[in-house]
Amino acid sequence: MGNARLMIAEVTTPEAQQQGLMGVEQLPEGMDGMLFTFEEAQPVSFTMRNTLLPLDIWWFDGDGVLLGSTEMEPCPETPCPTYPSLGPVRWALETVQGEHEFAAGDRLSTG
């Protein structure tokens, strides 16, 4: 994603992915977001149930190429809207809304 370096928490288990950033009032000092990693590229969707922070979600395909992003709003009560991916994705990166800007075609690099 250009030369941007982010400090992120990576979640790979279904339980951690379901929890996500629910109930978090602010990210810990120095943390930029949460990266959801899936075993293979697939269509996914997210909800903001019990999530307190407005978030941007960045969708990355199986090659780590950014497909685009979606703004997601907190949802304190059900039913909550779902936010489907922009196609099959291998990674989804949540960041606080408006704090980062990336362009479609940028590439995700971990490590």
PDB file of N, CA and C in Angstrom:
ATOM      1  N   MET A   1       0.847  -1.151   0.000  1.00  0.00           N
ATOM      2  CA  MET A   1       0.000   0.000   0.000  1.00  0.00           C
ATOM      3  C   MET A   1       0.894   1.214   0.000  1.00  0.00           C
ATOM      4  N   GLY A   2       1.493   1.383  -1.155  1.00  0.00           N
ATOM      5  CA  GLY A   2       2.512   2.405  -1.229  1.00  0.00           C
ATOM      6  C   GLY A   2       3.627   1.988  -0.300  1.00  0.00           C
ATOM      7  N   ASN A   3       4.162   2.924   0.423  1.00  0.00           N
ATOM      8  CA  ASN A   3       5.185   2.609   1.416  1.00  0.00           C
ATOM      9  C   ASN A   3       4.654   2.755   2.832  1.00  0.00           C
ATOM     10  N   ALA A   4       3.337   2.789   2.983  1.00  0.00           N
ATOM     11  CA  ALA A   4       2.743   2.923   4.315  1.00  0.00           C
ATOM     12  C   ALA A   4       3.029   1.671   5.129  1.00  0.00           C
ATOM     13  N   ARG A   5       3.441   1.873   6.370  1.00  0.00           N
ATOM     14  CA  ARG A   5       3.656   0.770   7.309  1.00  0.00           C
ATOM     15  C   ARG A   5       2.664   0.942   8.446  1.00  0.00           C
ATOM     16  N   LEU A   6       1.881  -0.102   8.656  1.00  0.00           N
ATOM     17  CA  LEU A   6       0.860  -0.053   9.689  1.00  0.00           C
ATOM     18  C   LEU A   6       1.147  -1.093  10.762  1.00  0.00           C
ATOM     19  N   MET A   7       0.780  -0.775  11.982  1.00  0.00           N
ATOM     20  CA  MET A   7       0.824  -1.738  13.067  1.00  0.00           C
ATOM     21  C   MET A   7      -0.598  -2.274  13.221  1.00  0.00           C
ATOM     22  N   ILE A   8      -0.762  -3.569  12.987  1.00  0.00           N
ATOM     23  CA  ILE A   8      -2.096  -4.150  12.995  1.00  0.00           C
ATOM     24  C   ILE A   8      -2.130  -5.411  13.851  1.00  0.00           C
ATOM     25  N   ALA A   9      -3.315  -5.759  14.297  1.00  0.00           N
ATOM     26  CA  ALA A   9      -3.554  -7.040  14.950  1.00  0.00           C
ATOM     27  C   ALA A   9      -4.134  -7.955  13.883  1.00  0.00           C
ATOM     28  N   GLU A  10      -3.551  -9.133  13.703  1.00  0.00           N
ATOM     29  CA  GLU A  10      -4.054 -10.076  12.711  1.00  0.00           C
ATOM     30  C   GLU A  10      -4.929 -11.110  13.399  1.00  0.00           C
ATOM     31  N   VAL A  11      -6.105 -11.353  12.845  1.00  0.00           N
ATOM     32  CA  VAL A  11      -7.012 -12.360  13.386  1.00  0.00           C
ATOM     33  C   VAL A  11      -7.279 -13.409  12.313  1.00  0.00           C
ATOM     34  N   THR A  12      -7.097 -14.668  12.701  1.00  0.00           N
ATOM     35  CA  THR A  12      -7.222 -15.751  11.731  1.00  0.00           C
ATOM     36  C   THR A  12      -8.239 -16.808  12.142  1.00  0.00           C
ATOM     37  N   THR A  13      -8.583 -16.879  13.434  1.00  0.00           N
ATOM     38  CA  THR A  13      -9.537 -17.900  13.871  1.00  0.00           C
ATOM     39  C   THR A  13     -10.961 -17.375  13.725  1.00  0.00           C
ATOM     40  N   PRO A  14     -11.911 -18.259  13.474  1.00  0.00           N
ATOM     41  CA  PRO A  14     -13.305 -17.815  13.358  1.00  0.00           C
ATOM     42  C   PRO A  14     -13.796 -17.074  14.603  1.00  0.00           C
ATOM     43  N   GLU A  15     -13.377 -17.517  15.784  1.00  0.00           N
ATOM     44  CA  GLU A  15     -13.818 -16.861  17.019  1.00  0.00           C
ATOM     45  C   GLU A  15     -13.287 -15.428  17.100  1.00  0.00           C
ATOM     46  N   ALA A  16     -12.006 -15.253  16.830  1.00  0.00           N
ATOM     47  CA  ALA A  16     -11.408 -13.909  16.872  1.00  0.00           C
ATOM     48  C   ALA A  16     -11.997 -13.027  15.776  1.00  0.00           C
ATOM     49  N   GLN A  17     -12.263 -13.609  14.614  1.00  0.00           N
ATOM     50  CA  GLN A  17     -12.848 -12.833  13.524  1.00  0.00           C
ATOM     51  C   GLN A  17     -14.260 -12.392  13.875  1.00  0.00           C
ATOM     52  N   GLN A  18     -15.024 -13.254  14.546  1.00  0.00           N
ATOM     53  CA  GLN A  18     -16.371 -12.878  14.924  1.00  0.00           C
ATOM     54  C   GLN A  18     -16.356 -11.757  15.970  1.00  0.00           C
ATOM     55  N   GLN A  19     -15.392 -11.777  16.881  1.00  0.00           N
ATOM     56  CA  GLN A  19     -15.272 -10.744  17.915  1.00  0.00           C
ATOM     57  C   GLN A  19     -14.821  -9.424  17.307  1.00  0.00           C
ATOM     58  N   GLY A  20     -13.800  -9.475  16.420  1.00  0.00           N
ATOM     59  CA  GLY A  20     -13.298  -8.268  15.766  1.00  0.00           C
ATOM     60  C   GLY A  20     -13.060  -7.133  16.744  1.00  0.00           C
ATOM     61  N   LEU A  21     -13.569  -5.964  16.417  1.00  0.00           N
ATOM     62  CA  LEU A  21     -13.398  -4.781  17.261  1.00  0.00           C
ATOM     63  C   LEU A  21     -14.659  -4.446  18.058  1.00  0.00           C
ATOM     64  N   MET A  22     -15.519  -5.455  18.267  1.00  0.00           N
ATOM     65  CA  MET A  22     -16.727  -5.226  19.070  1.00  0.00           C
ATOM     66  C   MET A  22     -16.355  -4.737  20.464  1.00  0.00           C
ATOM     67  N   GLY A  23     -17.025  -3.689  20.901  1.00  0.00           N
ATOM     68  CA  GLY A  23     -16.844  -3.176  22.249  1.00  0.00           C
ATOM     69  C   GLY A  23     -15.604  -2.325  22.459  1.00  0.00           C
ATOM     70  N   VAL A  24     -14.777  -2.166  21.439  1.00  0.00           N
ATOM     71  CA  VAL A  24     -13.544  -1.379  21.560  1.00  0.00           C
ATOM     72  C   VAL A  24     -13.879   0.098  21.392  1.00  0.00           C
ATOM     73  N   GLU A  25     -13.514   0.921  22.387  1.00  0.00           N
ATOM     74  CA  GLU A  25     -13.804   2.352  22.333  1.00  0.00           C
ATOM     75  C   GLU A  25     -12.742   3.126  21.568  1.00  0.00           C
ATOM     76  N   GLN A  26     -11.514   2.644  21.581  1.00  0.00           N
ATOM     77  CA  GLN A  26     -10.441   3.235  20.780  1.00  0.00           C
ATOM     78  C   GLN A  26      -9.349   2.188  20.622  1.00  0.00           C
ATOM     79  N   LEU A  27      -8.613   2.292  19.524  1.00  0.00           N
ATOM     80  CA  LEU A  27      -7.524   1.351  19.298  1.00  0.00           C
ATOM     81  C   LEU A  27      -6.398   1.629  20.286  1.00  0.00           C
ATOM     82  N   PRO A  28      -5.684   0.600  20.718  1.00  0.00           N
ATOM     83  CA  PRO A  28      -4.542   0.824  21.605  1.00  0.00           C
ATOM     84  C   PRO A  28      -3.512   1.744  20.956  1.00  0.00           C
ATOM     85  N   GLU A  29      -2.769   2.462  21.773  1.00  0.00           N
ATOM     86  CA  GLU A  29      -1.727   3.381  21.295  1.00  0.00           C
ATOM     87  C   GLU A  29      -0.812   2.659  20.305  1.00  0.00           C
ATOM     88  N   GLY A  30      -0.615   3.266  19.156  1.00  0.00           N
ATOM     89  CA  GLY A  30       0.281   2.725  18.140  1.00  0.00           C
ATOM     90  C   GLY A  30      -0.340   1.705  17.211  1.00  0.00           C
ATOM     91  N   MET A  31      -1.572   1.270  17.473  1.00  0.00           N
ATOM     92  CA  MET A  31      -2.222   0.292  16.605  1.00  0.00           C
ATOM     93  C   MET A  31      -3.054   1.012  15.549  1.00  0.00           C
ATOM     94  N   ASP A  32      -2.912   0.558  14.297  1.00  0.00           N
ATOM     95  CA  ASP A  32      -3.632   1.179  13.185  1.00  0.00           C
ATOM     96  C   ASP A  32      -4.906   0.455  12.793  1.00  0.00           C
ATOM     97  N   GLY A  33      -5.029  -0.816  13.146  1.00  0.00           N
ATOM     98  CA  GLY A  33      -6.218  -1.544  12.736  1.00  0.00           C
ATOM     99  C   GLY A  33      -6.124  -3.028  12.986  1.00  0.00           C
ATOM    100  N   MET A  34      -7.060  -3.757  12.350  1.00  0.00           N
ATOM    101  CA  MET A  34      -7.152  -5.197  12.510  1.00  0.00           C
ATOM    102  C   MET A  34      -7.242  -5.832  11.122  1.00  0.00           C
ATOM    103  N   LEU A  35      -6.421  -6.858  10.900  1.00  0.00           N
ATOM    104  CA  LEU A  35      -6.382  -7.554   9.620  1.00  0.00           C
ATOM    105  C   LEU A  35      -7.028  -8.923   9.775  1.00  0.00           C
ATOM    106  N   PHE A  36      -8.056  -9.173   8.996  1.00  0.00           N
ATOM    107  CA  PHE A  36      -8.741 -10.459   8.969  1.00  0.00           C
ATOM    108  C   PHE A  36      -8.153 -11.270   7.818  1.00  0.00           C
ATOM    109  N   THR A  37      -7.632 -12.441   8.131  1.00  0.00           N
ATOM    110  CA  THR A  37      -6.996 -13.304   7.134  1.00  0.00           C
ATOM    111  C   THR A  37      -7.837 -14.557   6.960  1.00  0.00           C
ATOM    112  N   PHE A  38      -8.167 -14.874   5.717  1.00  0.00           N
ATOM    113  CA  PHE A  38      -8.959 -16.059   5.389  1.00  0.00           C
ATOM    114  C   PHE A  38      -8.069 -17.061   4.654  1.00  0.00           C
ATOM    115  N   GLU A  39      -8.347 -18.352   4.822  1.00  0.00           N
ATOM    116  CA  GLU A  39      -7.498 -19.391   4.225  1.00  0.00           C
ATOM    117  C   GLU A  39      -7.437 -19.302   2.711  1.00  0.00           C
ATOM    118  N   GLU A  40      -8.524 -18.890   2.098  1.00  0.00           N
ATOM    119  CA  GLU A  40      -8.555 -18.718   0.644  1.00  0.00           C
ATOM    120  C   GLU A  40      -9.451 -17.535   0.307  1.00  0.00           C
ATOM    121  N   ALA A  41      -9.279 -16.997  -0.877  1.00  0.00           N
ATOM    122  CA  ALA A  41     -10.108 -15.868  -1.309  1.00  0.00           C
ATOM    123  C   ALA A  41     -11.557 -16.335  -1.422  1.00  0.00           C
ATOM    124  N   GLN A  42     -12.448 -15.559  -0.838  1.00  0.00           N
ATOM    125  CA  GLN A  42     -13.865 -15.903  -0.825  1.00  0.00           C
ATOM    126  C   GLN A  42     -14.692 -14.646  -0.585  1.00  0.00           C
ATOM    127  N   PRO A  43     -15.949 -14.641  -0.997  1.00  0.00           N
ATOM    128  CA  PRO A  43     -16.817 -13.530  -0.636  1.00  0.00           C
ATOM    129  C   PRO A  43     -17.082 -13.576   0.876  1.00  0.00           C
ATOM    130  N   VAL A  44     -17.003 -12.442   1.535  1.00  0.00           N
ATOM    131  CA  VAL A  44     -17.270 -12.351   2.968  1.00  0.00           C
ATOM    132  C   VAL A  44     -18.136 -11.126   3.219  1.00  0.00           C
ATOM    133  N   SER A  45     -18.721 -11.065   4.398  1.00  0.00           N
ATOM    134  CA  SER A  45     -19.448  -9.857   4.775  1.00  0.00           C
ATOM    135  C   SER A  45     -19.211  -9.609   6.259  1.00  0.00           C
ATOM    136  N   PHE A  46     -19.297  -8.345   6.629  1.00  0.00           N
ATOM    137  CA  PHE A  46     -19.057  -7.907   7.993  1.00  0.00           C
ATOM    138  C   PHE A  46     -20.290  -7.172   8.492  1.00  0.00           C
ATOM    139  N   THR A  47     -20.443  -7.141   9.799  1.00  0.00           N
ATOM    140  CA  THR A  47     -21.484  -6.339  10.423  1.00  0.00           C
ATOM    141  C   THR A  47     -20.818  -5.509  11.517  1.00  0.00           C
ATOM    142  N   MET A  48     -21.472  -4.459  11.917  1.00  0.00           N
ATOM    143  CA  MET A  48     -20.922  -3.575  12.942  1.00  0.00           C
ATOM    144  C   MET A  48     -21.686  -3.698  14.263  1.00  0.00           C
ATOM    145  N   ARG A  49     -22.351  -4.830  14.474  1.00  0.00           N
ATOM    146  CA  ARG A  49     -23.093  -5.046  15.710  1.00  0.00           C
ATOM    147  C   ARG A  49     -22.176  -4.867  16.918  1.00  0.00           C
ATOM    148  N   ASN A  50     -22.582  -4.001  17.829  1.00  0.00           N
ATOM    149  CA  ASN A  50     -21.836  -3.720  19.059  1.00  0.00           C
ATOM    150  C   ASN A  50     -20.434  -3.171  18.816  1.00  0.00           C
ATOM    151  N   THR A  51     -20.186  -2.641  17.635  1.00  0.00           N
ATOM    152  CA  THR A  51     -18.909  -1.994  17.336  1.00  0.00           C
ATOM    153  C   THR A  51     -19.102  -0.495  17.555  1.00  0.00           C
ATOM    154  N   LEU A  52     -18.196   0.103  18.317  1.00  0.00           N
ATOM    155  CA  LEU A  52     -18.373   1.485  18.757  1.00  0.00           C
ATOM    156  C   LEU A  52     -17.692   2.512  17.859  1.00  0.00           C
ATOM    157  N   LEU A  53     -16.698   2.078  17.091  1.00  0.00           N
ATOM    158  CA  LEU A  53     -15.923   2.993  16.235  1.00  0.00           C
ATOM    159  C   LEU A  53     -16.406   2.935  14.791  1.00  0.00           C
ATOM    160  N   PRO A  54     -16.572   4.063  14.110  1.00  0.00           N
ATOM    161  CA  PRO A  54     -16.812   4.014  12.666  1.00  0.00           C
ATOM    162  C   PRO A  54     -15.524   3.526  11.995  1.00  0.00           C
ATOM    163  N   LEU A  55     -15.661   2.594  11.077  1.00  0.00           N
ATOM    164  CA  LEU A  55     -14.489   1.962  10.466  1.00  0.00           C
ATOM    165  C   LEU A  55     -14.530   2.038   8.948  1.00  0.00           C
ATOM    166  N   ASP A  56     -13.337   2.023   8.356  1.00  0.00           N
ATOM    167  CA  ASP A  56     -13.163   1.742   6.935  1.00  0.00           C
ATOM    168  C   ASP A  56     -12.721   0.300   6.852  1.00  0.00           C
ATOM    169  N   ILE A  57     -13.247  -0.434   5.877  1.00  0.00           N
ATOM    170  CA  ILE A  57     -12.754  -1.784   5.648  1.00  0.00           C
ATOM    171  C   ILE A  57     -12.187  -1.827   4.236  1.00  0.00           C
ATOM    172  N   TRP A  58     -10.973  -2.346   4.142  1.00  0.00           N
ATOM    173  CA  TRP A  58     -10.220  -2.399   2.890  1.00  0.00           C
ATOM    174  C   TRP A  58     -10.183  -3.852   2.441  1.00  0.00           C
ATOM    175  N   TRP A  59     -10.606  -4.116   1.202  1.00  0.00           N
ATOM    176  CA  TRP A  59     -10.771  -5.476   0.680  1.00  0.00           C
ATOM    177  C   TRP A  59      -9.598  -5.849  -0.230  1.00  0.00           C
ATOM    178  N   PHE A  60      -8.909  -6.954   0.082  1.00  0.00           N
ATOM    179  CA  PHE A  60      -7.747  -7.408  -0.693  1.00  0.00           C
ATOM    180  C   PHE A  60      -8.008  -8.787  -1.282  1.00  0.00           C
ATOM    181  N   ASP A  61      -7.720  -8.941  -2.558  1.00  0.00           N
ATOM    182  CA  ASP A  61      -7.948 -10.223  -3.233  1.00  0.00           C
ATOM    183  C   ASP A  61      -6.880 -11.252  -2.862  1.00  0.00           C
ATOM    184  N   GLY A  62      -6.898 -12.402  -3.505  1.00  0.00           N
ATOM    185  CA  GLY A  62      -5.979 -13.490  -3.206  1.00  0.00           C
ATOM    186  C   GLY A  62      -4.526 -13.178  -3.482  1.00  0.00           C
ATOM    187  N   ASP A  63      -4.258 -12.158  -4.284  1.00  0.00           N
ATOM    188  CA  ASP A  63      -2.886 -11.735  -4.572  1.00  0.00           C
ATOM    189  C   ASP A  63      -2.450 -10.562  -3.703  1.00  0.00           C
ATOM    190  N   GLY A  64      -3.323 -10.127  -2.792  1.00  0.00           N
ATOM    191  CA  GLY A  64      -2.999  -8.992  -1.925  1.00  0.00           C
ATOM    192  C   GLY A  64      -3.229  -7.651  -2.568  1.00  0.00           C
ATOM    193  N   VAL A  65      -3.962  -7.616  -3.679  1.00  0.00           N
ATOM    194  CA  VAL A  65      -4.250  -6.357  -4.384  1.00  0.00           C
ATOM    195  C   VAL A  65      -5.538  -5.758  -3.823  1.00  0.00           C
ATOM    196  N   LEU A  66      -5.495  -4.467  -3.510  1.00  0.00           N
ATOM    197  CA  LEU A  66      -6.648  -3.769  -2.953  1.00  0.00           C
ATOM    198  C   LEU A  66      -7.730  -3.605  -4.017  1.00  0.00           C
ATOM    199  N   LEU A  67      -8.920  -4.137  -3.705  1.00  0.00           N
ATOM    200  CA  LEU A  67     -10.062  -3.994  -4.602  1.00  0.00           C
ATOM    201  C   LEU A  67     -10.794  -2.678  -4.368  1.00  0.00           C
ATOM    202  N   GLY A  68     -10.771  -2.197  -3.140  1.00  0.00           N
ATOM    203  CA  GLY A  68     -11.475  -0.976  -2.771  1.00  0.00           C
ATOM    204  C   GLY A  68     -11.807  -1.018  -1.293  1.00  0.00           C
ATOM    205  N   SER A  69     -12.661  -0.104  -0.867  1.00  0.00           N
ATOM    206  CA  SER A  69     -12.996  -0.022   0.552  1.00  0.00           C
ATOM    207  C   SER A  69     -14.476   0.292   0.736  1.00  0.00           C
ATOM    208  N   THR A  70     -14.928   0.131   1.963  1.00  0.00           N
ATOM    209  CA  THR A  70     -16.301   0.425   2.345  1.00  0.00           C
ATOM    210  C   THR A  70     -16.269   1.127   3.698  1.00  0.00           C
ATOM    211  N   GLU A  71     -17.068   2.184   3.849  1.00  0.00           N
ATOM    212  CA  GLU A  71     -17.222   2.827   5.156  1.00  0.00           C
ATOM    213  C   GLU A  71     -18.297   2.079   5.924  1.00  0.00           C
ATOM    214  N   MET A  72     -18.017   1.775   7.195  1.00  0.00           N
ATOM    215  CA  MET A  72     -18.964   1.051   8.033  1.00  0.00           C
ATOM    216  C   MET A  72     -19.266   1.892   9.275  1.00  0.00           C
ATOM    217  N   GLU A  73     -20.540   1.950   9.637  1.00  0.00           N
ATOM    218  CA  GLU A  73     -20.984   2.764  10.768  1.00  0.00           C
ATOM    219  C   GLU A  73     -21.359   1.884  11.955  1.00  0.00           C
ATOM    220  N   PRO A  74     -21.111   2.363  13.191  1.00  0.00           N
ATOM    221  CA  PRO A  74     -21.500   1.601  14.383  1.00  0.00           C
ATOM    222  C   PRO A  74     -22.988   1.259  14.362  1.00  0.00           C
ATOM    223  N   CYS A  75     -23.299   0.111  14.961  1.00  0.00           N
ATOM    224  CA  CYS A  75     -24.695  -0.331  15.021  1.00  0.00           C
ATOM    225  C   CYS A  75     -24.972  -0.854  16.426  1.00  0.00           C
ATOM    226  N   PRO A  76     -25.574  -0.013  17.282  1.00  0.00           N
ATOM    227  CA  PRO A  76     -25.814  -0.420  18.663  1.00  0.00           C
ATOM    228  C   PRO A  76     -27.002  -1.361  18.842  1.00  0.00           C
ATOM    229  N   GLU A  77     -27.906  -1.423  17.882  1.00  0.00           N
ATOM    230  CA  GLU A  77     -29.110  -2.242  18.007  1.00  0.00           C
ATOM    231  C   GLU A  77     -29.298  -3.098  16.771  1.00  0.00           C
ATOM    232  N   THR A  78     -29.891  -4.268  16.945  1.00  0.00           N
ATOM    233  CA  THR A  78     -30.173  -5.130  15.803  1.00  0.00           C
ATOM    234  C   THR A  78     -31.540  -4.777  15.249  1.00  0.00           C
ATOM    235  N   PRO A  79     -31.786  -4.990  13.988  1.00  0.00           N
ATOM    236  CA  PRO A  79     -30.872  -5.593  13.022  1.00  0.00           C
ATOM    237  C   PRO A  79     -29.829  -4.578  12.528  1.00  0.00           C
ATOM    238  N   CYS A  80     -28.671  -5.084  12.221  1.00  0.00           N
ATOM    239  CA  CYS A  80     -27.586  -4.250  11.699  1.00  0.00           C
ATOM    240  C   CYS A  80     -27.372  -4.575  10.231  1.00  0.00           C
ATOM    241  N   PRO A  81     -26.968  -3.575   9.438  1.00  0.00           N
ATOM    242  CA  PRO A  81     -26.671  -3.864   8.039  1.00  0.00           C
ATOM    243  C   PRO A  81     -25.420  -4.742   7.921  1.00  0.00           C
ATOM    244  N   THR A  82     -25.324  -5.429   6.816  1.00  0.00           N
ATOM    245  CA  THR A  82     -24.101  -6.178   6.521  1.00  0.00           C
ATOM    246  C   THR A  82     -23.362  -5.446   5.407  1.00  0.00           C
ATOM    247  N   TYR A  83     -22.060  -5.617   5.408  1.00  0.00           N
ATOM    248  CA  TYR A  83     -21.191  -4.962   4.429  1.00  0.00           C
ATOM    249  C   TYR A  83     -20.458  -6.060   3.674  1.00  0.00           C
ATOM    250  N   PRO A  84     -20.940  -6.397   2.453  1.00  0.00           N
ATOM    251  CA  PRO A  84     -20.302  -7.469   1.690  1.00  0.00           C
ATOM    252  C   PRO A  84     -19.002  -6.997   1.034  1.00  0.00           C
ATOM    253  N   SER A  85     -18.077  -7.943   0.875  1.00  0.00           N
ATOM    254  CA  SER A  85     -16.824  -7.636   0.189  1.00  0.00           C
ATOM    255  C   SER A  85     -17.106  -7.297  -1.273  1.00  0.00           C
ATOM    256  N   LEU A  86     -16.135  -6.671  -1.896  1.00  0.00           N
ATOM    257  CA  LEU A  86     -16.275  -6.241  -3.288  1.00  0.00           C
ATOM    258  C   LEU A  86     -15.936  -7.359  -4.270  1.00  0.00           C
ATOM    259  N   GLY A  87     -15.894  -8.571  -3.795  1.00  0.00           N
ATOM    260  CA  GLY A  87     -15.550  -9.752  -4.572  1.00  0.00           C
ATOM    261  C   GLY A  87     -14.879 -10.735  -3.631  1.00  0.00           C
ATOM    262  N   PRO A  88     -14.339 -11.838  -4.157  1.00  0.00           N
ATOM    263  CA  PRO A  88     -13.619 -12.764  -3.294  1.00  0.00           C
ATOM    264  C   PRO A  88     -12.379 -12.081  -2.705  1.00  0.00           C
ATOM    265  N   VAL A  89     -12.208 -12.194  -1.392  1.00  0.00           N
ATOM    266  CA  VAL A  89     -11.066 -11.566  -0.720  1.00  0.00           C
ATOM    267  C   VAL A  89     -10.334 -12.589   0.144  1.00  0.00           C
ATOM    268  N   ARG A  90      -9.048 -12.372   0.301  1.00  0.00           N
ATOM    269  CA  ARG A  90      -8.224 -13.190   1.207  1.00  0.00           C
ATOM    270  C   ARG A  90      -7.938 -12.420   2.492  1.00  0.00           C
ATOM    271  N   TRP A  91      -7.975 -11.078   2.405  1.00  0.00           N
ATOM    272  CA  TRP A  91      -7.715 -10.223   3.561  1.00  0.00           C
ATOM    273  C   TRP A  91      -8.720  -9.073   3.584  1.00  0.00           C
ATOM    274  N   ALA A  92      -9.080  -8.679   4.802  1.00  0.00           N
ATOM    275  CA  ALA A  92      -9.903  -7.492   5.025  1.00  0.00           C
ATOM    276  C   ALA A  92      -9.240  -6.722   6.165  1.00  0.00           C
ATOM    277  N   LEU A  93      -8.953  -5.458   5.920  1.00  0.00           N
ATOM    278  CA  LEU A  93      -8.280  -4.616   6.910  1.00  0.00           C
ATOM    279  C   LEU A  93      -9.252  -3.563   7.411  1.00  0.00           C
ATOM    280  N   GLU A  94      -9.497  -3.561   8.730  1.00  0.00           N
ATOM    281  CA  GLU A  94     -10.327  -2.526   9.347  1.00  0.00           C
ATOM    282  C   GLU A  94      -9.431  -1.464   9.961  1.00  0.00           C
ATOM    283  N   THR A  95      -9.725  -0.204   9.632  1.00  0.00           N
ATOM    284  CA  THR A  95      -9.028   0.933  10.222  1.00  0.00           C
ATOM    285  C   THR A  95     -10.091   1.946  10.657  1.00  0.00           C
ATOM    286  N   VAL A  96      -9.721   2.834  11.583  1.00  0.00           N
ATOM    287  CA  VAL A  96     -10.655   3.869  12.012  1.00  0.00           C
ATOM    288  C   VAL A  96     -10.985   4.733  10.800  1.00  0.00           C
ATOM    289  N   GLN A  97     -12.262   5.001  10.638  1.00  0.00           N
ATOM    290  CA  GLN A  97     -12.745   5.726   9.466  1.00  0.00           C
ATOM    291  C   GLN A  97     -12.001   7.049   9.269  1.00  0.00           C
ATOM    292  N   GLY A  98     -11.488   7.246   8.051  1.00  0.00           N
ATOM    293  CA  GLY A  98     -10.843   8.485   7.661  1.00  0.00           C
ATOM    294  C   GLY A  98      -9.378   8.629   8.052  1.00  0.00           C
ATOM    295  N   GLU A  99      -8.805   7.657   8.773  1.00  0.00           N
ATOM    296  CA  GLU A  99      -7.416   7.800   9.231  1.00  0.00           C
ATOM    297  C   GLU A  99      -6.383   7.387   8.192  1.00  0.00           C
ATOM    298  N   HIS A 100      -6.775   6.582   7.201  1.00  0.00           N
ATOM    299  CA  HIS A 100      -5.825   6.126   6.181  1.00  0.00           C
ATOM    300  C   HIS A 100      -6.469   6.250   4.814  1.00  0.00           C
ATOM    301  N   GLU A 101      -5.636   6.397   3.815  1.00  0.00           N
ATOM    302  CA  GLU A 101      -6.131   6.490   2.448  1.00  0.00           C
ATOM    303  C   GLU A 101      -5.243   5.626   1.560  1.00  0.00           C
ATOM    304  N   PHE A 102      -5.858   4.668   0.900  1.00  0.00           N
ATOM    305  CA  PHE A 102      -5.151   3.797  -0.029  1.00  0.00           C
ATOM    306  C   PHE A 102      -5.913   3.822  -1.347  1.00  0.00           C
ATOM    307  N   ALA A 103      -5.272   3.381  -2.412  1.00  0.00           N
ATOM    308  CA  ALA A 103      -5.890   3.406  -3.738  1.00  0.00           C
ATOM    309  C   ALA A 103      -6.070   1.986  -4.256  1.00  0.00           C
ATOM    310  N   ALA A 104      -7.180   1.771  -4.973  1.00  0.00           N
ATOM    311  CA  ALA A 104      -7.401   0.474  -5.617  1.00  0.00           C
ATOM    312  C   ALA A 104      -6.151   0.122  -6.418  1.00  0.00           C
ATOM    313  N   GLY A 105      -5.728  -1.130  -6.289  1.00  0.00           N
ATOM    314  CA  GLY A 105      -4.503  -1.565  -6.961  1.00  0.00           C
ATOM    315  C   GLY A 105      -3.301  -1.593  -6.049  1.00  0.00           C
ATOM    316  N   ASP A 106      -3.365  -0.869  -4.911  1.00  0.00           N
ATOM    317  CA  ASP A 106      -2.269  -0.968  -3.931  1.00  0.00           C
ATOM    318  C   ASP A 106      -2.151  -2.410  -3.494  1.00  0.00           C
ATOM    319  N   ARG A 107      -0.971  -2.800  -3.041  1.00  0.00           N
ATOM    320  CA  ARG A 107      -0.709  -4.180  -2.662  1.00  0.00           C
ATOM    321  C   ARG A 107      -0.406  -4.291  -1.176  1.00  0.00           C
ATOM    322  N   LEU A 108      -1.004  -5.311  -0.551  1.00  0.00           N
ATOM    323  CA  LEU A 108      -0.781  -5.619   0.860  1.00  0.00           C
ATOM    324  C   LEU A 108       0.478  -6.457   0.981  1.00  0.00           C
ATOM    325  N   SER A 109       1.310  -6.089   1.937  1.00  0.00           N
ATOM    326  CA  SER A 109       2.518  -6.849   2.246  1.00  0.00           C
ATOM    327  C   SER A 109       2.559  -7.029   3.755  1.00  0.00           C
ATOM    328  N   THR A 110       2.696  -8.257   4.217  1.00  0.00           N
ATOM    329  CA  THR A 110       2.758  -8.519   5.651  1.00  0.00           C
ATOM    330  C   THR A 110       4.162  -8.950   6.015  1.00  0.00           C
ATOM    331  N   GLY A 111       4.478  -8.762   7.272  1.00  0.00           N
ATOM    332  CA  GLY A 111       5.787  -9.236   7.732  1.00  0.00           C
ATOM    333  C   GLY A 111       6.668  -8.126   8.213  1.00  0.00           C
TER     334      GLY A 111
END
